[in-house]
Amino acid sequence: MKLELMLGLRYLRAKKKFSFVSVITIICILGIFIGDMVMITVLSVMNGFQDDIRDKILGMRSHIDIAGYSDSAVDSYDYIMAVVDDNEDVESSYPYIMIPSIMRSHNFTTLITTRSFPQYAFEKDKDFVKYFNFLEGSNDLSASKSDMNSPNKALIGSEMAFNYGLKVGSVFDIVSAAGNFQDGFKPKKETFKVSGIYKTGYYEYDSKMVIVPMEVAASMAGYSNAVTGIAVKTKNYIEADEVASKIDEDLGANYSVLSWMSFDRNFFQALHTEKLMLGLILSFIILIAALNIASSQIIFVKDKRRDIAILKTLGLKPFGIAKVFFLEGAIIGLIGTILGVSFGLLLATHINESLEALRMLLQVLVSIIWFIPSLLINGVSIPIVPEFFPADVYYVTKGLPSIINYGQVMFVALISFVLSVLFAIIPAYMASRYKPAEILRYE
């Protein structure tokens, strides 16, 4: 082991375990440790939220949308579907009708989106199977012989059912505008009966989307053998842009062919910017911890002036003196980084278990504090500490989603260690500039 490294390690193991310098060293290690751990955990949770929201959005809508220009209806959609299905990168496709509408139920009136697609989409689209969870009723919209004169069937979201007091069997009206800009629009009203209540896990769909049979939706929109567009699911959603370009070329550029990157670009860009800004803000924790390393090492250098003078007198060069204190600062940064990354990965992997353990600990503390008041005062009970992220509020069905990106982890570790090393240069330079004669004169 080289002399400089040996001296650096020796200075870290101070004989006075609770000396001022050793306490500051521990605080510096804790600063790097907490900064790395929090940053890795928060970025992993943000990755999980971003992927979860994206999967729910893409699960309920298409990867590629084919529609007419200027909101015109698509007439020859059988031909379009044949062209689309010939593409080897396409997994499935189906026609759909979407109508901005008004729903009236009891004393409530609200804007909704009336949407329709073939019944087979519920079975053939794997995303529909995954995200359409029916809490009541079923997804069957077909009319039986016994209910031909009854209202049309409709599927509504759980949030809509809760907000407007609807349940299976409830009846409501939908008013839409049938027609076009050339011939004008005429209001058209249809009565529906709730046959199923679904929950997708995405609030916008669960609160504003009503699914109705295709033939009824076509009548409401004033379509005759036409649809609003074709929804296409690709085998790999990342390649949706390339597949959309190929389909557009095959169709002769006669239709508007857009991938999900186009119609949801602003939303996903906002998520990415939010994660970037959050990471930048959290990086200041690491920066402050690195500054603490510099300040603690400066104090340590001043505390070891006599040792520095002796080492220089014995022949250790200024560069060697600088290396001793530089290595000491680098070791502090390395220890903090290793601990921070290790515990950050552990916390990111078990974030929900950690939150539940914290909630139980808070519940114990609250129970202790409120135990005596609950015995002495009538009507006072021990409060219950709620979940930090309840599923009905944050739409997280299995707790906080967390996805560890090891590239991000390596970047956090690298930045943490590099900052620690850079700020260790300042005290190392100061130590190398001390002159033994001036120091020993006053000893």
Protein backbone atom coordinates (compact mmCIF):
# COMPACT_ATOMS: atom_id res chain seq x y z
CA MET A 1 0.00 0.00 0.00
CA LYS A 2 1.39 3.39 -0.95
CA LEU A 3 2.31 5.85 1.77
CA GLU A 4 -0.24 8.49 0.72
CA LEU A 5 -3.14 6.02 0.73
CA MET A 6 -2.05 4.58 4.07
CA LEU A 7 -1.92 8.06 5.63
CA GLY A 8 -5.29 8.97 4.15
CA LEU A 9 -6.93 5.87 5.61
CA ARG A 10 -5.19 6.45 8.94
CA TYR A 11 -6.52 10.01 9.18
CA LEU A 12 -10.03 8.74 8.50
CA ARG A 13 -9.74 6.39 11.48
CA ALA A 14 -9.27 9.17 14.04
CA LYS A 15 -8.28 8.11 17.55
CA LYS A 16 -10.82 10.50 19.01
CA LYS A 17 -13.95 8.88 17.67
CA PHE A 18 -16.17 11.81 18.53
CA SER A 19 -13.84 14.63 17.59
CA PHE A 20 -15.26 17.57 15.65
CA VAL A 21 -13.49 16.56 12.46
CA SER A 22 -14.64 12.93 12.60
CA VAL A 23 -18.26 14.00 13.18
CA ILE A 24 -18.12 16.28 10.11
CA THR A 25 -16.63 13.41 8.09
CA ILE A 26 -19.54 11.16 9.07
CA ILE A 27 -21.98 13.93 8.13
CA CYS A 28 -20.31 14.27 4.72
CA ILE A 29 -20.65 10.53 4.09
CA LEU A 30 -24.30 10.69 5.18
CA GLY A 31 -24.89 13.64 2.84
CA ILE A 32 -23.60 11.75 -0.21
CA PHE A 33 -25.41 8.61 0.95
CA ILE A 34 -28.81 10.30 1.38
CA GLY A 35 -28.47 12.32 -1.83
CA ASP A 36 -27.73 9.25 -3.97
CA MET A 37 -30.35 7.10 -2.25
CA VAL A 38 -33.15 9.67 -2.63
CA MET A 39 -32.23 10.50 -6.22
CA ILE A 40 -32.15 6.85 -7.36
CA THR A 41 -35.43 6.09 -5.57
CA VAL A 42 -37.29 9.14 -6.91
CA LEU A 43 -36.06 8.62 -10.48
CA SER A 44 -37.08 4.94 -10.34
CA VAL A 45 -40.58 5.86 -9.14
CA MET A 46 -40.84 8.52 -11.86
CA ASN A 47 -39.78 5.91 -14.43
CA GLY A 48 -42.49 3.62 -13.10
CA PHE A 49 -45.18 6.31 -13.22
CA GLN A 50 -44.18 7.33 -16.75
CA ASP A 51 -44.30 3.77 -18.05
CA ASP A 52 -47.53 3.00 -16.16
CA ILE A 53 -49.34 6.06 -17.56
CA ARG A 54 -48.02 5.40 -21.07
CA ASP A 55 -49.10 1.74 -20.96
CA LYS A 56 -52.59 2.67 -19.75
CA ILE A 57 -53.00 5.33 -22.43
CA LEU A 58 -51.71 3.11 -25.21
CA GLY A 59 -53.64 0.16 -23.83
CA MET A 60 -56.93 2.00 -24.35
CA ARG A 61 -56.13 3.75 -27.58
CA SER A 62 -54.26 2.93 -30.76
CA HIS A 63 -50.55 2.97 -31.47
CA ILE A 64 -51.44 4.35 -34.92
CA ASP A 65 -54.61 6.23 -35.84
CA ILE A 66 -55.88 6.32 -39.43
CA ALA A 67 -58.59 8.89 -40.12
CA GLY A 68 -59.89 11.12 -42.88
CA TYR A 69 -58.68 14.67 -43.38
CA SER A 70 -60.70 17.56 -41.89
CA ASP A 71 -62.56 15.18 -39.57
CA SER A 72 -64.33 13.53 -42.49
CA ALA A 73 -65.63 9.99 -42.09
CA VAL A 74 -63.72 7.00 -43.47
CA ASP A 75 -65.91 5.14 -46.00
CA SER A 76 -63.77 2.36 -47.49
CA TYR A 77 -62.43 1.13 -44.20
CA ASP A 78 -62.46 -2.54 -45.26
CA TYR A 79 -59.80 -1.71 -47.84
CA ILE A 80 -57.74 0.21 -45.28
CA MET A 81 -57.88 -2.68 -42.80
CA ALA A 82 -56.77 -5.11 -45.52
CA VAL A 83 -53.76 -2.91 -46.32
CA VAL A 84 -52.95 -2.51 -42.63
CA ASP A 85 -53.22 -6.22 -41.82
CA ASP A 86 -50.76 -7.03 -44.64
CA ASN A 87 -48.05 -5.16 -42.70
CA GLU A 88 -45.98 -7.68 -40.75
CA ASP A 89 -45.34 -5.18 -37.93
CA VAL A 90 -49.06 -4.79 -37.18
CA GLU A 91 -50.52 -6.90 -34.39
CA SER A 92 -54.21 -5.97 -34.68
CA SER A 93 -56.59 -3.38 -36.09
CA TYR A 94 -60.23 -2.46 -35.72
CA PRO A 95 -62.58 0.34 -36.88
CA TYR A 96 -63.94 2.79 -34.33
CA ILE A 97 -66.42 5.61 -34.06
CA MET A 98 -65.84 8.50 -31.67
CA ILE A 99 -68.41 11.24 -31.04
CA PRO A 100 -68.20 14.23 -28.68
CA SER A 101 -71.52 14.13 -26.86
CA ILE A 102 -73.59 15.30 -23.91
CA MET A 103 -74.85 12.85 -21.29
CA ARG A 104 -78.01 13.52 -19.29
CA SER A 105 -78.79 11.49 -16.17
CA HIS A 106 -81.31 12.55 -13.52
CA ASN A 107 -80.31 16.13 -12.77
CA PHE A 108 -76.79 15.81 -14.17
CA THR A 109 -75.57 16.99 -17.57
CA THR A 110 -71.97 16.57 -18.61
CA LEU A 111 -69.72 16.44 -21.66
CA ILE A 112 -68.48 12.95 -22.58
CA THR A 113 -66.86 11.04 -25.41
CA THR A 114 -69.03 8.36 -26.96
CA ARG A 115 -66.83 5.63 -28.37
CA SER A 116 -67.57 2.43 -30.21
CA PHE A 117 -65.61 -0.47 -31.66
CA PRO A 118 -66.38 -4.08 -32.64
CA GLN A 119 -67.18 -6.55 -29.88
CA TYR A 120 -64.24 -8.76 -30.89
CA ALA A 121 -61.78 -6.07 -29.76
CA PHE A 122 -62.46 -7.05 -26.14
CA GLU A 123 -61.15 -10.56 -26.81
CA LYS A 124 -58.49 -10.03 -29.49
CA ASP A 125 -56.79 -6.89 -28.19
CA LYS A 126 -54.46 -8.01 -25.40
CA ASP A 127 -54.37 -4.48 -23.95
CA PHE A 128 -58.17 -4.43 -23.69
CA VAL A 129 -58.03 -7.76 -21.88
CA LYS A 130 -55.43 -6.34 -19.49
CA TYR A 131 -56.89 -2.91 -18.75
CA PHE A 132 -60.66 -3.35 -19.14
CA ASN A 133 -61.51 -4.69 -15.68
CA PHE A 134 -65.28 -4.97 -15.26
CA LEU A 135 -66.43 -4.27 -11.72
CA GLU A 136 -70.10 -4.92 -12.51
CA GLY A 137 -71.93 -6.44 -15.46
CA SER A 138 -70.06 -7.51 -18.60
CA ASN A 139 -68.67 -6.15 -21.86
CA ASP A 140 -71.45 -7.70 -23.96
CA LEU A 141 -73.19 -4.97 -25.97
CA SER A 142 -75.21 -7.25 -28.24
CA ALA A 143 -79.02 -7.05 -28.03
CA SER A 144 -81.01 -10.21 -27.30
CA LYS A 145 -84.44 -11.01 -28.75
CA SER A 146 -86.12 -10.31 -25.41
CA ASP A 147 -84.79 -6.75 -25.07
CA MET A 148 -85.19 -5.46 -28.62
CA ASN A 149 -87.53 -2.69 -27.43
CA SER A 150 -85.47 -1.78 -24.37
CA PRO A 151 -82.80 0.98 -24.33
CA ASN A 152 -79.46 0.28 -26.02
CA LYS A 153 -76.69 -1.14 -23.88
CA ALA A 154 -73.71 0.99 -22.82
CA LEU A 155 -70.52 0.57 -20.83
CA ILE A 156 -69.38 3.31 -18.46
CA GLY A 157 -66.30 3.88 -16.29
CA SER A 158 -66.15 3.49 -12.53
CA GLU A 159 -65.54 7.22 -11.95
CA MET A 160 -68.55 8.16 -14.08
CA ALA A 161 -70.70 5.68 -12.17
CA PHE A 162 -69.55 7.15 -8.85
CA ASN A 163 -69.85 10.79 -9.89
CA TYR A 164 -73.39 10.49 -11.29
CA GLY A 165 -74.82 7.74 -9.11
CA LEU A 166 -75.13 5.18 -11.91
CA LYS A 167 -75.13 1.41 -11.62
CA VAL A 168 -75.92 -1.60 -13.81
CA GLY A 169 -79.47 -1.10 -15.06
CA SER A 170 -79.42 2.71 -14.77
CA VAL A 171 -80.85 4.61 -17.74
CA PHE A 172 -79.43 7.81 -19.23
CA ASP A 173 -79.58 9.83 -22.46
CA ILE A 174 -76.80 10.81 -24.86
CA VAL A 175 -77.24 13.76 -27.20
CA SER A 176 -74.92 13.99 -30.21
CA ALA A 177 -74.73 16.06 -33.38
CA ALA A 178 -75.18 14.08 -36.60
CA GLY A 179 -74.09 15.56 -39.92
CA ASN A 180 -71.18 17.49 -41.40
CA PHE A 181 -70.06 21.06 -41.99
CA GLN A 182 -71.43 21.18 -45.54
CA ASP A 183 -74.95 19.90 -44.83
CA GLY A 184 -75.14 21.11 -41.25
CA PHE A 185 -75.58 19.27 -37.95
CA LYS A 186 -78.75 18.00 -36.31
CA PRO A 187 -78.99 16.94 -32.66
CA LYS A 188 -79.83 13.32 -32.09
CA LYS A 189 -80.80 11.71 -28.79
CA GLU A 190 -80.46 8.05 -27.81
CA THR A 191 -81.40 6.35 -24.55
CA PHE A 192 -79.02 3.82 -23.01
CA LYS A 193 -79.01 1.38 -20.14
CA VAL A 194 -75.80 0.59 -18.24
CA SER A 195 -74.85 -3.04 -18.87
CA GLY A 196 -71.31 -2.93 -17.48
CA ILE A 197 -69.03 -0.74 -15.35
CA TYR A 198 -65.33 -0.91 -16.13
CA LYS A 199 -62.16 0.42 -14.57
CA THR A 200 -59.09 0.93 -16.74
CA GLY A 201 -56.92 2.70 -14.18
CA TYR A 202 -56.78 5.89 -16.27
CA TYR A 203 -59.02 8.62 -14.91
CA GLU A 204 -59.76 10.34 -18.23
CA TYR A 205 -61.33 7.17 -19.64
CA ASP A 206 -63.04 6.05 -16.44
CA SER A 207 -64.77 9.42 -15.98
CA LYS A 208 -65.57 10.60 -19.53
CA MET A 209 -65.88 7.65 -21.93
CA VAL A 210 -69.08 5.77 -22.73
CA ILE A 211 -68.86 2.71 -25.00
CA VAL A 212 -71.90 1.90 -27.15
CA PRO A 213 -72.69 -0.61 -29.94
CA MET A 214 -71.24 0.16 -33.39
CA GLU A 215 -74.56 0.38 -35.24
CA VAL A 216 -75.98 2.78 -32.65
CA ALA A 217 -72.87 4.98 -32.77
CA ALA A 218 -73.05 5.09 -36.58
CA SER A 219 -76.67 6.23 -36.39
CA MET A 220 -75.79 8.89 -33.80
CA ALA A 221 -72.96 10.22 -35.99
CA GLY A 222 -75.02 10.08 -39.18
CA TYR A 223 -72.66 7.57 -40.80
CA SER A 224 -73.76 5.18 -43.54
CA ASN A 225 -71.26 2.32 -43.75
CA ALA A 226 -68.51 4.61 -42.44
CA VAL A 227 -66.40 5.02 -39.31
CA THR A 228 -64.35 7.76 -37.65
CA GLY A 229 -61.09 5.91 -38.18
CA ILE A 230 -59.03 2.75 -37.87
CA ALA A 231 -57.12 1.95 -34.68
CA VAL A 232 -53.90 0.02 -35.23
CA LYS A 233 -51.81 -1.78 -32.62
CA THR A 234 -48.20 -2.57 -33.55
CA LYS A 235 -46.06 -5.39 -32.23
CA ASN A 236 -43.59 -2.85 -30.83
CA TYR A 237 -45.06 0.52 -29.89
CA ILE A 238 -41.58 2.12 -30.04
CA GLU A 239 -41.55 1.53 -33.80
CA ALA A 240 -45.00 3.09 -34.34
CA ASP A 241 -43.58 6.08 -36.25
CA GLU A 242 -41.81 3.87 -38.82
CA VAL A 243 -44.86 1.60 -39.22
CA ALA A 244 -47.14 4.65 -39.64
CA SER A 245 -44.90 6.00 -42.42
CA LYS A 246 -45.02 2.65 -44.23
CA ILE A 247 -48.83 2.44 -43.93
CA ASP A 248 -49.19 6.04 -45.13
CA GLU A 249 -47.08 5.18 -48.17
CA ASP A 250 -49.14 2.04 -48.90
CA LEU A 251 -52.41 4.01 -48.66
CA GLY A 252 -51.13 6.64 -51.07
CA ALA A 253 -51.22 9.50 -48.56
CA ASN A 254 -55.03 9.70 -48.89
CA TYR A 255 -55.60 9.52 -45.16
CA SER A 256 -54.22 11.06 -41.99
CA VAL A 257 -51.92 8.44 -40.45
CA LEU A 258 -50.54 9.47 -37.06
CA SER A 259 -48.62 7.49 -34.44
CA TRP A 260 -49.09 7.92 -30.69
CA MET A 261 -45.83 9.91 -30.60
CA SER A 262 -47.63 12.62 -32.60
CA PHE A 263 -50.97 12.98 -30.83
CA ASP A 264 -49.56 12.52 -27.30
CA ARG A 265 -46.20 14.21 -27.84
CA ASN A 266 -46.85 17.19 -25.53
CA PHE A 267 -48.08 15.03 -22.67
CA PHE A 268 -45.14 12.64 -22.71
CA GLN A 269 -42.71 15.51 -23.22
CA ALA A 270 -44.17 17.13 -20.10
CA LEU A 271 -43.59 13.91 -18.14
CA HIS A 272 -40.00 13.71 -19.39
CA THR A 273 -39.35 17.37 -18.52
CA GLU A 274 -40.83 16.89 -15.05
CA LYS A 275 -38.54 13.93 -14.39
CA LEU A 276 -35.54 15.86 -15.71
CA MET A 277 -36.25 18.91 -13.53
CA LEU A 278 -36.85 16.74 -10.47
CA GLY A 279 -33.52 14.99 -11.01
CA LEU A 280 -31.80 18.36 -11.42
CA ILE A 281 -33.28 19.66 -8.16
CA LEU A 282 -32.32 16.50 -6.27
CA SER A 283 -28.77 16.75 -7.62
CA PHE A 284 -28.31 19.82 -5.44
CA ILE A 285 -28.39 17.50 -2.44
CA ILE A 286 -25.29 15.76 -3.80
CA LEU A 287 -23.70 19.12 -4.65
CA ILE A 288 -24.20 20.36 -1.07
CA ALA A 289 -22.78 17.13 0.30
CA ALA A 290 -19.72 17.53 -1.94
CA LEU A 291 -19.27 21.10 -0.69
CA ASN A 292 -19.39 19.72 2.85
CA ILE A 293 -16.52 17.40 1.94
CA ALA A 294 -14.45 20.42 0.88
CA SER A 295 -15.28 22.40 4.05
CA SER A 296 -14.64 19.44 6.37
CA GLN A 297 -11.35 18.68 4.65
CA ILE A 298 -10.26 22.32 4.95
CA ILE A 299 -10.91 22.15 8.70
CA PHE A 300 -9.11 18.82 8.83
CA VAL A 301 -6.09 20.22 6.97
CA LYS A 302 -5.83 23.08 9.45
CA ASP A 303 -6.12 20.59 12.30
CA LYS A 304 -3.25 18.55 10.84
CA ARG A 305 -0.86 21.39 10.08
CA ARG A 306 1.75 20.03 12.50
CA ASP A 307 1.59 16.58 10.88
CA ILE A 308 1.96 18.18 7.45
CA ALA A 309 5.04 20.11 8.59
CA ILE A 310 6.62 16.94 10.01
CA LEU A 311 5.88 14.94 6.84
CA LYS A 312 7.44 17.67 4.68
CA THR A 313 10.47 17.84 6.97
CA LEU A 314 10.89 14.07 6.59
CA GLY A 315 11.00 14.51 2.81
CA LEU A 316 7.43 14.05 1.57
CA LYS A 317 6.93 16.26 -1.48
CA PRO A 318 4.08 18.84 -1.74
CA PHE A 319 2.41 16.64 -4.38
CA GLY A 320 2.53 13.71 -1.95
CA ILE A 321 0.94 15.86 0.79
CA ALA A 322 -1.79 16.92 -1.63
CA LYS A 323 -2.36 13.31 -2.61
CA VAL A 324 -2.91 12.29 1.05
CA PHE A 325 -5.80 14.72 1.55
CA PHE A 326 -7.10 14.27 -1.98
CA LEU A 327 -7.36 10.51 -1.43
CA GLU A 328 -9.06 11.09 1.91
CA GLY A 329 -11.77 13.23 0.27
CA ALA A 330 -12.11 10.74 -2.58
CA ILE A 331 -12.52 7.87 -0.08
CA ILE A 332 -15.26 9.78 1.72
CA GLY A 333 -17.06 10.31 -1.60
CA LEU A 334 -16.56 6.68 -2.61
CA ILE A 335 -17.95 5.32 0.66
CA GLY A 336 -20.96 7.66 0.49
CA THR A 337 -21.59 6.78 -3.17
CA ILE A 338 -21.40 3.00 -2.61
CA LEU A 339 -23.74 3.19 0.38
CA GLY A 340 -26.13 5.57 -1.41
CA VAL A 341 -26.34 3.46 -4.56
CA SER A 342 -26.74 0.21 -2.59
CA PHE A 343 -29.52 1.51 -0.34
CA GLY A 344 -31.08 3.43 -3.24
CA LEU A 345 -31.43 0.23 -5.27
CA LEU A 346 -32.78 -1.59 -2.21
CA LEU A 347 -35.33 1.15 -1.48
CA ALA A 348 -36.39 1.49 -5.12
CA THR A 349 -36.95 -2.28 -5.29
CA HIS A 350 -38.99 -2.38 -2.05
CA ILE A 351 -40.58 1.09 -2.12
CA ASN A 352 -44.08 -0.09 -1.24
CA GLU A 353 -42.90 -2.31 1.62
CA SER A 354 -40.84 0.61 2.97
CA LEU A 355 -43.80 3.00 2.81
CA GLU A 356 -46.02 0.49 4.59
CA ALA A 357 -43.39 -0.02 7.30
CA LEU A 358 -43.18 3.76 7.74
CA ARG A 359 -46.96 4.00 7.94
CA MET A 360 -47.08 1.29 10.62
CA LEU A 361 -44.34 3.05 12.59
CA LEU A 362 -46.30 6.32 12.45
CA GLN A 363 -49.42 4.44 13.51
CA VAL A 364 -47.60 3.12 16.59
CA LEU A 365 -46.41 6.63 17.49
CA VAL A 366 -49.90 8.08 17.00
CA SER A 367 -51.41 5.30 19.11
CA ILE A 368 -48.97 6.04 21.94
CA ILE A 369 -49.65 9.79 21.81
CA TRP A 370 -53.44 9.45 21.66
CA PHE A 371 -53.81 6.49 24.03
CA ILE A 372 -54.30 8.50 27.24
CA PRO A 373 -56.58 11.19 25.66
CA SER A 374 -58.77 8.41 24.20
CA LEU A 375 -59.20 6.95 27.71
CA LEU A 376 -59.92 10.25 29.47
CA ILE A 377 -62.13 12.04 26.91
CA ASN A 378 -65.34 10.54 25.56
CA GLY A 379 -65.65 10.57 21.79
CA VAL A 380 -61.91 10.77 21.22
CA SER A 381 -60.49 7.79 19.34
CA ILE A 382 -57.03 6.93 18.11
CA PRO A 383 -56.58 8.33 14.54
CA ILE A 384 -55.76 5.93 11.74
CA VAL A 385 -52.75 6.85 9.63
CA PRO A 386 -53.95 6.56 6.00
CA GLU A 387 -52.03 5.08 3.10
CA PHE A 388 -49.55 7.50 1.56
CA PHE A 389 -50.69 6.76 -1.99
CA PRO A 390 -54.23 5.31 -1.93
CA ALA A 391 -55.21 3.48 -5.12
CA ASP A 392 -58.54 5.27 -5.50
CA VAL A 393 -56.84 8.69 -5.53
CA TYR A 394 -53.56 8.08 -7.38
CA TYR A 395 -54.76 5.23 -9.61
CA VAL A 396 -51.95 2.91 -8.60
CA THR A 397 -53.46 -0.55 -8.33
CA LYS A 398 -50.38 -2.35 -7.03
CA GLY A 399 -48.69 0.42 -5.09
CA LEU A 400 -46.13 2.85 -6.42
CA PRO A 401 -44.63 1.62 -9.71
CA SER A 402 -40.84 1.56 -9.68
CA ILE A 403 -38.56 0.79 -12.61
CA ILE A 404 -34.81 0.92 -12.08
CA ASN A 405 -32.86 2.31 -15.00
CA TYR A 406 -29.28 1.15 -14.42
CA GLY A 407 -27.97 3.77 -16.83
CA GLN A 408 -29.46 6.44 -14.56
CA VAL A 409 -28.00 4.68 -11.51
CA MET A 410 -24.53 4.69 -13.04
CA PHE A 411 -24.90 8.36 -13.98
CA VAL A 412 -25.93 9.32 -10.41
CA ALA A 413 -23.02 7.33 -8.96
CA LEU A 414 -20.56 8.88 -11.43
CA ILE A 415 -21.74 12.46 -10.78
CA SER A 416 -21.65 11.88 -7.02
CA PHE A 417 -18.11 10.52 -7.05
CA VAL A 418 -16.78 13.07 -9.54
CA LEU A 419 -18.15 15.99 -7.49
CA SER A 420 -16.59 14.52 -4.35
CA VAL A 421 -13.23 14.21 -6.09
CA LEU A 422 -13.37 17.72 -7.55
CA PHE A 423 -14.14 19.35 -4.21
CA ALA A 424 -11.37 17.33 -2.55
CA ILE A 425 -8.83 19.16 -4.72
CA ILE A 426 -9.24 22.46 -2.81
CA PRO A 427 -8.11 21.24 0.66
CA ALA A 428 -5.42 19.06 -0.96
CA TYR A 429 -3.98 22.13 -2.68
CA MET A 430 -4.08 24.11 0.58
CA ALA A 431 -2.20 21.31 2.39
CA SER A 432 0.51 21.24 -0.26
CA ARG A 433 1.13 25.01 0.16
CA TYR A 434 1.93 24.90 3.89
CA LYS A 435 5.57 25.74 4.80
CA PRO A 436 7.04 23.64 7.62
CA ALA A 437 9.15 26.51 9.06
CA GLU A 438 6.15 28.81 9.52
CA ILE A 439 4.05 26.07 11.10
CA LEU A 440 6.69 24.69 13.52
CA ARG A 441 7.77 28.19 14.61
CA TYR A 442 4.58 28.51 16.67
CA GLU A 443 4.31 24.89 17.87
